[in-house]
Amino acid sequence: MSSVDDALARAEELLARLNERREELERLAQADDVDGEAAVDVIAELAELARQIEAELTSARTMADAPG
């Protein structure tokens, strides 16, 4: 597996985690007694996962565009 494939695989794994956390946020939002602190924590996790996904995709793009 190439470095590009590795970066894309990591991005896919992170995307799966992001979707899991998004589903958790939806569950929190639908709860009768919304836990605002928990929701903020999940949103922070979503933002961090999105940054990590962007970094992996940028890395994959850079490696794919590199000569050689």
PDB file of N, CA and C in Angstrom:
ATOM      1  N   MET A   1       0.856  -1.186   0.000  1.00  0.00           N
ATOM      2  CA  MET A   1       0.000   0.000   0.000  1.00  0.00           C
ATOM      3  C   MET A   1       0.898   1.245   0.000  1.00  0.00           C
ATOM      4  N   SER A   2       0.584   2.205  -0.846  1.00  0.00           N
ATOM      5  CA  SER A   2       1.394   3.407  -0.951  1.00  0.00           C
ATOM      6  C   SER A   2       1.076   4.392   0.158  1.00  0.00           C
ATOM      7  N   SER A   3       1.925   5.389   0.287  1.00  0.00           N
ATOM      8  CA  SER A   3       1.700   6.435   1.288  1.00  0.00           C
ATOM      9  C   SER A   3       0.394   7.164   1.034  1.00  0.00           C
ATOM     10  N   VAL A   4       0.067   7.366  -0.239  1.00  0.00           N
ATOM     11  CA  VAL A   4      -1.199   8.020  -0.592  1.00  0.00           C
ATOM     12  C   VAL A   4      -2.361   7.171  -0.102  1.00  0.00           C
ATOM     13  N   ASP A   5      -2.281   5.866  -0.365  1.00  0.00           N
ATOM     14  CA  ASP A   5      -3.340   4.956   0.085  1.00  0.00           C
ATOM     15  C   ASP A   5      -3.449   4.945   1.606  1.00  0.00           C
ATOM     16  N   ASP A   6      -2.304   4.984   2.275  1.00  0.00           N
ATOM     17  CA  ASP A   6      -2.303   5.018   3.745  1.00  0.00           C
ATOM     18  C   ASP A   6      -3.017   6.271   4.255  1.00  0.00           C
ATOM     19  N   ALA A   7      -2.703   7.408   3.663  1.00  0.00           N
ATOM     20  CA  ALA A   7      -3.326   8.666   4.087  1.00  0.00           C
ATOM     21  C   ALA A   7      -4.833   8.633   3.823  1.00  0.00           C
ATOM     22  N   LEU A   8      -5.225   8.096   2.682  1.00  0.00           N
ATOM     23  CA  LEU A   8      -6.653   7.998   2.367  1.00  0.00           C
ATOM     24  C   LEU A   8      -7.365   7.025   3.315  1.00  0.00           C
ATOM     25  N   ALA A   9      -6.695   5.938   3.666  1.00  0.00           N
ATOM     26  CA  ALA A   9      -7.283   4.981   4.610  1.00  0.00           C
ATOM     27  C   ALA A   9      -7.468   5.630   5.978  1.00  0.00           C
ATOM     28  N   ARG A  10      -6.467   6.405   6.420  1.00  0.00           N
ATOM     29  CA  ARG A  10      -6.600   7.113   7.702  1.00  0.00           C
ATOM     30  C   ARG A  10      -7.740   8.119   7.641  1.00  0.00           C
ATOM     31  N   ALA A  11      -7.874   8.816   6.512  1.00  0.00           N
ATOM     32  CA  ALA A  11      -8.966   9.783   6.356  1.00  0.00           C
ATOM     33  C   ALA A  11     -10.315   9.071   6.423  1.00  0.00           C
ATOM     34  N   GLU A  12     -10.423   7.894   5.819  1.00  0.00           N
ATOM     35  CA  GLU A  12     -11.679   7.132   5.869  1.00  0.00           C
ATOM     36  C   GLU A  12     -11.999   6.690   7.293  1.00  0.00           C
ATOM     37  N   GLU A  13     -10.986   6.256   8.031  1.00  0.00           N
ATOM     38  CA  GLU A  13     -11.189   5.860   9.423  1.00  0.00           C
ATOM     39  C   GLU A  13     -11.661   7.054  10.258  1.00  0.00           C
ATOM     40  N   LEU A  14     -11.025   8.185  10.034  1.00  0.00           N
ATOM     41  CA  LEU A  14     -11.411   9.400  10.762  1.00  0.00           C
ATOM     42  C   LEU A  14     -12.828   9.819  10.392  1.00  0.00           C
ATOM     43  N   LEU A  15     -13.185   9.673   9.124  1.00  0.00           N
ATOM     44  CA  LEU A  15     -14.533  10.018   8.683  1.00  0.00           C
ATOM     45  C   LEU A  15     -15.575   9.129   9.361  1.00  0.00           C
ATOM     46  N   ALA A  16     -15.253   7.855   9.516  1.00  0.00           N
ATOM     47  CA  ALA A  16     -16.163   6.947  10.221  1.00  0.00           C
ATOM     48  C   ALA A  16     -16.341   7.393  11.663  1.00  0.00           C
ATOM     49  N   ARG A  17     -15.241   7.775  12.313  1.00  0.00           N
ATOM     50  CA  ARG A  17     -15.326   8.278  13.694  1.00  0.00           C
ATOM     51  C   ARG A  17     -16.131   9.568  13.753  1.00  0.00           C
ATOM     52  N   LEU A  18     -15.923  10.445  12.764  1.00  0.00           N
ATOM     53  CA  LEU A  18     -16.676  11.697  12.721  1.00  0.00           C
ATOM     54  C   LEU A  18     -18.168  11.411  12.613  1.00  0.00           C
ATOM     55  N   ASN A  19     -18.535  10.467  11.769  1.00  0.00           N
ATOM     56  CA  ASN A  19     -19.955  10.130  11.614  1.00  0.00           C
ATOM     57  C   ASN A  19     -20.541   9.558  12.901  1.00  0.00           C
ATOM     58  N   GLU A  20     -19.758   8.746  13.612  1.00  0.00           N
ATOM     59  CA  GLU A  20     -20.216   8.214  14.898  1.00  0.00           C
ATOM     60  C   GLU A  20     -20.475   9.344  15.897  1.00  0.00           C
ATOM     61  N   ARG A  21     -19.559  10.293  15.949  1.00  0.00           N
ATOM     62  CA  ARG A  21     -19.706  11.414  16.885  1.00  0.00           C
ATOM     63  C   ARG A  21     -20.874  12.313  16.464  1.00  0.00           C
ATOM     64  N   ARG A  22     -21.082  12.472  15.149  1.00  0.00           N
ATOM     65  CA  ARG A  22     -22.215  13.265  14.662  1.00  0.00           C
ATOM     66  C   ARG A  22     -23.528  12.624  15.094  1.00  0.00           C
ATOM     67  N   GLU A  23     -23.588  11.299  14.987  1.00  0.00           N
ATOM     68  CA  GLU A  23     -24.783  10.585  15.432  1.00  0.00           C
ATOM     69  C   GLU A  23     -25.000  10.781  16.928  1.00  0.00           C
ATOM     70  N   GLU A  24     -23.916  10.786  17.698  1.00  0.00           N
ATOM     71  CA  GLU A  24     -24.021  11.029  19.136  1.00  0.00           C
ATOM     72  C   GLU A  24     -24.564  12.434  19.396  1.00  0.00           C
ATOM     73  N   LEU A  25     -24.103  13.407  18.635  1.00  0.00           N
ATOM     74  CA  LEU A  25     -24.605  14.773  18.788  1.00  0.00           C
ATOM     75  C   LEU A  25     -26.095  14.833  18.471  1.00  0.00           C
ATOM     76  N   GLU A  26     -26.525  14.122  17.438  1.00  0.00           N
ATOM     77  CA  GLU A  26     -27.952  14.083  17.108  1.00  0.00           C
ATOM     78  C   GLU A  26     -28.762  13.464  18.238  1.00  0.00           C
ATOM     79  N   ARG A  27     -28.212  12.395  18.852  1.00  0.00           N
ATOM     80  CA  ARG A  27     -28.905  11.781  19.996  1.00  0.00           C
ATOM     81  C   ARG A  27     -29.012  12.760  21.158  1.00  0.00           C
ATOM     82  N   LEU A  28     -27.928  13.471  21.415  1.00  0.00           N
ATOM     83  CA  LEU A  28     -27.950  14.465  22.487  1.00  0.00           C
ATOM     84  C   LEU A  28     -28.982  15.551  22.206  1.00  0.00           C
ATOM     85  N   ALA A  29     -29.059  15.984  20.960  1.00  0.00           N
ATOM     86  CA  ALA A  29     -29.986  17.055  20.589  1.00  0.00           C
ATOM     87  C   ALA A  29     -31.438  16.618  20.718  1.00  0.00           C
ATOM     88  N   GLN A  30     -31.701  15.325  20.543  1.00  0.00           N
ATOM     89  CA  GLN A  30     -33.066  14.825  20.609  1.00  0.00           C
ATOM     90  C   GLN A  30     -33.497  14.455  22.018  1.00  0.00           C
ATOM     91  N   ALA A  31     -32.567  14.471  22.952  1.00  0.00           N
ATOM     92  CA  ALA A  31     -32.883  14.095  24.330  1.00  0.00           C
ATOM     93  C   ALA A  31     -33.808  15.130  24.960  1.00  0.00           C
ATOM     94  N   ASP A  32     -34.655  14.666  25.870  1.00  0.00           N
ATOM     95  CA  ASP A  32     -35.570  15.568  26.569  1.00  0.00           C
ATOM     96  C   ASP A  32     -34.803  16.578  27.420  1.00  0.00           C
ATOM     97  N   ASP A  33     -33.748  16.109  28.064  1.00  0.00           N
ATOM     98  CA  ASP A  33     -32.925  16.974  28.922  1.00  0.00           C
ATOM     99  C   ASP A  33     -31.558  17.116  28.263  1.00  0.00           C
ATOM    100  N   VAL A  34     -31.403  18.107  27.401  1.00  0.00           N
ATOM    101  CA  VAL A  34     -30.178  18.281  26.622  1.00  0.00           C
ATOM    102  C   VAL A  34     -29.020  18.639  27.552  1.00  0.00           C
ATOM    103  N   ASP A  35     -27.946  17.876  27.433  1.00  0.00           N
ATOM    104  CA  ASP A  35     -26.724  18.128  28.196  1.00  0.00           C
ATOM    105  C   ASP A  35     -25.834  19.031  27.344  1.00  0.00           C
ATOM    106  N   GLY A  36     -25.908  20.334  27.615  1.00  0.00           N
ATOM    107  CA  GLY A  36     -25.173  21.309  26.817  1.00  0.00           C
ATOM    108  C   GLY A  36     -23.680  21.098  26.851  1.00  0.00           C
ATOM    109  N   GLU A  37     -23.146  20.741  28.005  1.00  0.00           N
ATOM    110  CA  GLU A  37     -21.700  20.539  28.126  1.00  0.00           C
ATOM    111  C   GLU A  37     -21.248  19.349  27.283  1.00  0.00           C
ATOM    112  N   ALA A  38     -22.020  18.271  27.322  1.00  0.00           N
ATOM    113  CA  ALA A  38     -21.691  17.100  26.505  1.00  0.00           C
ATOM    114  C   ALA A  38     -21.767  17.452  25.025  1.00  0.00           C
ATOM    115  N   ALA A  39     -22.765  18.236  24.640  1.00  0.00           N
ATOM    116  CA  ALA A  39     -22.910  18.637  23.237  1.00  0.00           C
ATOM    117  C   ALA A  39     -21.713  19.467  22.787  1.00  0.00           C
ATOM    118  N   VAL A  40     -21.269  20.376  23.629  1.00  0.00           N
ATOM    119  CA  VAL A  40     -20.101  21.199  23.291  1.00  0.00           C
ATOM    120  C   VAL A  40     -18.863  20.324  23.147  1.00  0.00           C
ATOM    121  N   ASP A  41     -18.719  19.327  24.026  1.00  0.00           N
ATOM    122  CA  ASP A  41     -17.580  18.415  23.928  1.00  0.00           C
ATOM    123  C   ASP A  41     -17.606  17.643  22.611  1.00  0.00           C
ATOM    124  N   VAL A  42     -18.785  17.176  22.211  1.00  0.00           N
ATOM    125  CA  VAL A  42     -18.901  16.427  20.953  1.00  0.00           C
ATOM    126  C   VAL A  42     -18.601  17.343  19.771  1.00  0.00           C
ATOM    127  N   ILE A  43     -19.080  18.573  19.824  1.00  0.00           N
ATOM    128  CA  ILE A  43     -18.800  19.524  18.738  1.00  0.00           C
ATOM    129  C   ILE A  43     -17.296  19.776  18.631  1.00  0.00           C
ATOM    130  N   ALA A  44     -16.623  19.892  19.763  1.00  0.00           N
ATOM    131  CA  ALA A  44     -15.166  20.086  19.751  1.00  0.00           C
ATOM    132  C   ALA A  44     -14.480  18.868  19.132  1.00  0.00           C
ATOM    133  N   GLU A  45     -14.963  17.664  19.467  1.00  0.00           N
ATOM    134  CA  GLU A  45     -14.405  16.450  18.878  1.00  0.00           C
ATOM    135  C   GLU A  45     -14.636  16.429  17.369  1.00  0.00           C
ATOM    136  N   LEU A  46     -15.824  16.834  16.940  1.00  0.00           N
ATOM    137  CA  LEU A  46     -16.124  16.887  15.507  1.00  0.00           C
ATOM    138  C   LEU A  46     -15.170  17.835  14.782  1.00  0.00           C
ATOM    139  N   ALA A  47     -14.919  18.986  15.386  1.00  0.00           N
ATOM    140  CA  ALA A  47     -14.014  19.960  14.771  1.00  0.00           C
ATOM    141  C   ALA A  47     -12.605  19.389  14.659  1.00  0.00           C
ATOM    142  N   GLU A  48     -12.140  18.720  15.707  1.00  0.00           N
ATOM    143  CA  GLU A  48     -10.802  18.130  15.678  1.00  0.00           C
ATOM    144  C   GLU A  48     -10.715  17.021  14.644  1.00  0.00           C
ATOM    145  N   LEU A  49     -11.723  16.176  14.581  1.00  0.00           N
ATOM    146  CA  LEU A  49     -11.724  15.117  13.567  1.00  0.00           C
ATOM    147  C   LEU A  49     -11.734  15.704  12.162  1.00  0.00           C
ATOM    148  N   ALA A  50     -12.496  16.765  11.948  1.00  0.00           N
ATOM    149  CA  ALA A  50     -12.530  17.411  10.630  1.00  0.00           C
ATOM    150  C   ALA A  50     -11.154  17.961  10.267  1.00  0.00           C
ATOM    151  N   ARG A  51     -10.452  18.545  11.235  1.00  0.00           N
ATOM    152  CA  ARG A  51      -9.092  19.045  10.980  1.00  0.00           C
ATOM    153  C   ARG A  51      -8.153  17.896  10.606  1.00  0.00           C
ATOM    154  N   GLN A  52      -8.279  16.785  11.322  1.00  0.00           N
ATOM    155  CA  GLN A  52      -7.425  15.634  11.033  1.00  0.00           C
ATOM    156  C   GLN A  52      -7.718  15.062   9.645  1.00  0.00           C
ATOM    157  N   ILE A  53      -8.990  14.993   9.277  1.00  0.00           N
ATOM    158  CA  ILE A  53      -9.362  14.514   7.945  1.00  0.00           C
ATOM    159  C   ILE A  53      -8.778  15.430   6.878  1.00  0.00           C
ATOM    160  N   GLU A  54      -8.922  16.722   7.078  1.00  0.00           N
ATOM    161  CA  GLU A  54      -8.370  17.681   6.115  1.00  0.00           C
ATOM    162  C   GLU A  54      -6.854  17.502   5.979  1.00  0.00           C
ATOM    163  N   ALA A  55      -6.171  17.283   7.088  1.00  0.00           N
ATOM    164  CA  ALA A  55      -4.719  17.098   7.048  1.00  0.00           C
ATOM    165  C   ALA A  55      -4.349  15.841   6.273  1.00  0.00           C
ATOM    166  N   GLU A  56      -5.075  14.754   6.489  1.00  0.00           N
ATOM    167  CA  GLU A  56      -4.787  13.513   5.767  1.00  0.00           C
ATOM    168  C   GLU A  56      -5.051  13.672   4.276  1.00  0.00           C
ATOM    169  N   LEU A  57      -6.143  14.342   3.924  1.00  0.00           N
ATOM    170  CA  LEU A  57      -6.445  14.547   2.505  1.00  0.00           C
ATOM    171  C   LEU A  57      -5.423  15.466   1.847  1.00  0.00           C
ATOM    172  N   THR A  58      -5.003  16.489   2.568  1.00  0.00           N
ATOM    173  CA  THR A  58      -3.969  17.388   2.040  1.00  0.00           C
ATOM    174  C   THR A  58      -2.671  16.620   1.833  1.00  0.00           C
ATOM    175  N   SER A  59      -2.332  15.767   2.789  1.00  0.00           N
ATOM    176  CA  SER A  59      -1.126  14.948   2.674  1.00  0.00           C
ATOM    177  C   SER A  59      -1.218  14.019   1.469  1.00  0.00           C
ATOM    178  N   ALA A  60      -2.355  13.366   1.315  1.00  0.00           N
ATOM    179  CA  ALA A  60      -2.535  12.463   0.175  1.00  0.00           C
ATOM    180  C   ALA A  60      -2.427  13.221  -1.148  1.00  0.00           C
ATOM    181  N   ARG A  61      -3.033  14.380  -1.211  1.00  0.00           N
ATOM    182  CA  ARG A  61      -2.987  15.187  -2.445  1.00  0.00           C
ATOM    183  C   ARG A  61      -1.554  15.604  -2.743  1.00  0.00           C
ATOM    184  N   THR A  62      -0.821  16.033  -1.721  1.00  0.00           N
ATOM    185  CA  THR A  62       0.569  16.458  -1.906  1.00  0.00           C
ATOM    186  C   THR A  62       1.429  15.301  -2.401  1.00  0.00           C
ATOM    187  N   MET A  63       1.242  14.122  -1.792  1.00  0.00           N
ATOM    188  CA  MET A  63       2.022  12.957  -2.224  1.00  0.00           C
ATOM    189  C   MET A  63       1.648  12.535  -3.633  1.00  0.00           C
ATOM    190  N   ALA A  64       0.367  12.605  -3.973  1.00  0.00           N
ATOM    191  CA  ALA A  64      -0.084  12.204  -5.302  1.00  0.00           C
ATOM    192  C   ALA A  64       0.448  13.145  -6.375  1.00  0.00           C
ATOM    193  N   ASP A  65       0.578  14.417  -6.019  1.00  0.00           N
ATOM    194  CA  ASP A  65       1.042  15.407  -6.979  1.00  0.00           C
ATOM    195  C   ASP A  65       2.568  15.470  -7.071  1.00  0.00           C
ATOM    196  N   ALA A  66       3.268  14.811  -6.153  1.00  0.00           N
ATOM    197  CA  ALA A  66       4.734  14.866  -6.138  1.00  0.00           C
ATOM    198  C   ALA A  66       5.288  14.102  -7.326  1.00  0.00           C
ATOM    199  N   PRO A  67       6.332  14.650  -7.933  1.00  0.00           N
ATOM    200  CA  PRO A  67       6.945  13.937  -9.057  1.00  0.00           C
ATOM    201  C   PRO A  67       7.630  12.662  -8.590  1.00  0.00           C
ATOM    202  N   GLY A  68       7.640  11.679  -9.458  1.00  0.00           N
ATOM    203  CA  GLY A  68       8.381  10.471  -9.161  1.00  0.00           C
ATOM    204  C   GLY A  68       7.502   9.351  -8.890  1.00  0.00           C
TER     205      GLY A  68
END
